[in-house]
Amino acid sequence: MIRIAIIIGSTRPGRKGEAVAKWVYEIAQKRSDAEFELVDIKEFNLPLLDEPVSPIMGQYTHQHTKTWSAKIASFDAYGACHASSPCYPRRGCLFH
């Protein structure tokens, strides 16, 4: 069965993405054609841009990045609920 992550992509206090992601997850759970998991990026404690090599290389030096990468790789697809700012820095974590 296809595995889909619904990612809470914001880490800031008062974030709104968490409520939206939980709402999406609740609706998604009614489907029987896929398996859904709620993934909170805040739980991974990812610092911004702390890896020495571009994420596309997949050569991670920090355990938190390796853990995040393995988690994301375990899914067939994902959707993210995050801030709407075009400069939002956490978007980059989706490419790890």
C-alpha atoms as a PDB file:
ATOM      1  CA  MET A   1       0.000   0.000   0.000  1.00  0.00           C
ATOM      2  CA  ILE A   2       1.227   3.504  -0.772  1.00  0.00           C
ATOM      3  CA  ARG A   3       2.575   5.436   2.222  1.00  0.00           C
ATOM      4  CA  ILE A   4       1.945   9.175   2.418  1.00  0.00           C
ATOM      5  CA  ALA A   5       3.412  11.575   4.971  1.00  0.00           C
ATOM      6  CA  ILE A   6       1.474  14.631   6.030  1.00  0.00           C
ATOM      7  CA  ILE A   7       4.217  16.926   7.289  1.00  0.00           C
ATOM      8  CA  ILE A   8       3.801  19.679   9.839  1.00  0.00           C
ATOM      9  CA  GLY A   9       6.421  21.939   8.297  1.00  0.00           C
ATOM     10  CA  SER A  10       6.546  24.799  10.774  1.00  0.00           C
ATOM     11  CA  THR A  11       8.514  24.904  14.025  1.00  0.00           C
ATOM     12  CA  ARG A  12       7.616  28.358  15.284  1.00  0.00           C
ATOM     13  CA  PRO A  13       5.510  29.039  18.385  1.00  0.00           C
ATOM     14  CA  GLY A  14       1.848  29.584  17.562  1.00  0.00           C
ATOM     15  CA  ARG A  15       2.180  27.745  14.261  1.00  0.00           C
ATOM     16  CA  LYS A  16      -1.043  27.220  12.326  1.00  0.00           C
ATOM     17  CA  GLY A  17       0.209  24.398  10.118  1.00  0.00           C
ATOM     18  CA  GLU A  18      -0.190  21.881  12.931  1.00  0.00           C
ATOM     19  CA  ALA A  19      -3.973  22.343  13.080  1.00  0.00           C
ATOM     20  CA  VAL A  20      -4.242  22.167   9.297  1.00  0.00           C
ATOM     21  CA  ALA A  21      -2.074  19.043   9.080  1.00  0.00           C
ATOM     22  CA  LYS A  22      -4.110  17.301  11.781  1.00  0.00           C
ATOM     23  CA  TRP A  23      -7.309  18.212   9.937  1.00  0.00           C
ATOM     24  CA  VAL A  24      -5.918  16.814   6.674  1.00  0.00           C
ATOM     25  CA  TYR A  25      -4.753  13.669   8.474  1.00  0.00           C
ATOM     26  CA  GLU A  26      -8.185  13.146  10.025  1.00  0.00           C
ATOM     27  CA  ILE A  27      -9.821  13.320   6.601  1.00  0.00           C
ATOM     28  CA  ALA A  28      -7.118  11.160   4.993  1.00  0.00           C
ATOM     29  CA  GLN A  29      -7.639   8.412   7.591  1.00  0.00           C
ATOM     30  CA  LYS A  30     -11.076   7.764   6.077  1.00  0.00           C
ATOM     31  CA  ARG A  31      -9.418   6.493   2.896  1.00  0.00           C
ATOM     32  CA  SER A  32      -8.561   2.832   2.494  1.00  0.00           C
ATOM     33  CA  ASP A  33      -6.303   3.069  -0.549  1.00  0.00           C
ATOM     34  CA  ALA A  34      -3.249   4.526   1.218  1.00  0.00           C
ATOM     35  CA  GLU A  35      -1.527   4.629   4.595  1.00  0.00           C
ATOM     36  CA  PHE A  36      -1.061   8.099   6.100  1.00  0.00           C
ATOM     37  CA  GLU A  37       1.284   9.286   8.821  1.00  0.00           C
ATOM     38  CA  LEU A  38       1.512  12.665  10.499  1.00  0.00           C
ATOM     39  CA  VAL A  39       5.167  13.779  10.656  1.00  0.00           C
ATOM     40  CA  ASP A  40       6.138  16.810  12.747  1.00  0.00           C
ATOM     41  CA  ILE A  41       9.390  18.381  11.586  1.00  0.00           C
ATOM     42  CA  LYS A  42       9.714  20.060  14.970  1.00  0.00           C
ATOM     43  CA  GLU A  43      10.448  16.648  16.532  1.00  0.00           C
ATOM     44  CA  PHE A  44      13.607  16.264  14.419  1.00  0.00           C
ATOM     45  CA  ASN A  45      15.377  19.417  15.690  1.00  0.00           C
ATOM     46  CA  LEU A  46      16.864  20.251  12.299  1.00  0.00           C
ATOM     47  CA  PRO A  47      19.161  23.277  12.333  1.00  0.00           C
ATOM     48  CA  LEU A  48      19.079  25.388   9.205  1.00  0.00           C
ATOM     49  CA  LEU A  49      21.836  24.690   6.663  1.00  0.00           C
ATOM     50  CA  ASP A  50      24.189  22.803   8.994  1.00  0.00           C
ATOM     51  CA  GLU A  51      25.279  20.116   6.522  1.00  0.00           C
ATOM     52  CA  PRO A  52      28.536  20.844   4.632  1.00  0.00           C
ATOM     53  CA  VAL A  53      27.352  19.278   1.347  1.00  0.00           C
ATOM     54  CA  SER A  54      24.223  19.943  -0.736  1.00  0.00           C
ATOM     55  CA  PRO A  55      21.323  17.640   0.192  1.00  0.00           C
ATOM     56  CA  ILE A  56      21.180  16.258  -3.328  1.00  0.00           C
ATOM     57  CA  MET A  57      24.423  14.416  -2.619  1.00  0.00           C
ATOM     58  CA  GLY A  58      22.886  12.456   0.272  1.00  0.00           C
ATOM     59  CA  GLN A  59      26.169  12.625   2.215  1.00  0.00           C
ATOM     60  CA  TYR A  60      24.993  13.664   5.651  1.00  0.00           C
ATOM     61  CA  THR A  61      27.331  14.163   8.589  1.00  0.00           C
ATOM     62  CA  HIS A  62      24.810  14.873  11.345  1.00  0.00           C
ATOM     63  CA  GLN A  63      22.592  12.220  12.890  1.00  0.00           C
ATOM     64  CA  HIS A  64      19.536  14.502  12.962  1.00  0.00           C
ATOM     65  CA  THR A  65      19.757  14.914   9.183  1.00  0.00           C
ATOM     66  CA  LYS A  66      20.257  11.173   8.637  1.00  0.00           C
ATOM     67  CA  THR A  67      17.229  10.434  10.817  1.00  0.00           C
ATOM     68  CA  TRP A  68      15.085  12.968   8.942  1.00  0.00           C
ATOM     69  CA  SER A  69      16.260  11.687   5.556  1.00  0.00           C
ATOM     70  CA  ALA A  70      15.460   8.072   6.476  1.00  0.00           C
ATOM     71  CA  LYS A  71      12.003   9.068   7.703  1.00  0.00           C
ATOM     72  CA  ILE A  72      11.158  10.950   4.507  1.00  0.00           C
ATOM     73  CA  ALA A  73      12.606   8.169   2.328  1.00  0.00           C
ATOM     74  CA  SER A  74      10.195   5.697   3.957  1.00  0.00           C
ATOM     75  CA  PHE A  75       7.266   7.360   2.185  1.00  0.00           C
ATOM     76  CA  ASP A  76       6.063   7.153  -1.391  1.00  0.00           C
ATOM     77  CA  ALA A  77       4.656  10.680  -1.302  1.00  0.00           C
ATOM     78  CA  TYR A  78       4.189  13.591   1.052  1.00  0.00           C
ATOM     79  CA  GLY A  79       2.331  16.817   1.539  1.00  0.00           C
ATOM     80  CA  ALA A  80       3.460  19.647   3.787  1.00  0.00           C
ATOM     81  CA  CYS A  81       1.498  22.162   5.817  1.00  0.00           C
ATOM     82  CA  HIS A  82       3.762  25.138   6.467  1.00  0.00           C
ATOM     83  CA  ALA A  83       4.005  28.906   6.411  1.00  0.00           C
ATOM     84  CA  SER A  84       3.068  30.552   3.136  1.00  0.00           C
ATOM     85  CA  SER A  85       6.094  32.851   3.015  1.00  0.00           C
ATOM     86  CA  PRO A  86       8.172  32.360  -0.157  1.00  0.00           C
ATOM     87  CA  CYS A  87      11.295  32.741   2.000  1.00  0.00           C
ATOM     88  CA  TYR A  88      10.326  30.050   4.460  1.00  0.00           C
ATOM     89  CA  PRO A  89      13.615  28.237   5.216  1.00  0.00           C
ATOM     90  CA  ARG A  90      12.253  24.885   6.418  1.00  0.00           C
ATOM     91  CA  ARG A  91      11.088  24.026   2.903  1.00  0.00           C
ATOM     92  CA  GLY A  92      14.627  22.878   2.199  1.00  0.00           C
ATOM     93  CA  CYS A  93      14.278  19.970   4.601  1.00  0.00           C
ATOM     94  CA  LEU A  94      11.935  18.281   2.158  1.00  0.00           C
ATOM     95  CA  PHE A  95      14.815  17.746  -0.227  1.00  0.00           C
ATOM     96  CA  HIS A  96      16.965  15.820   2.272  1.00  0.00           C
END
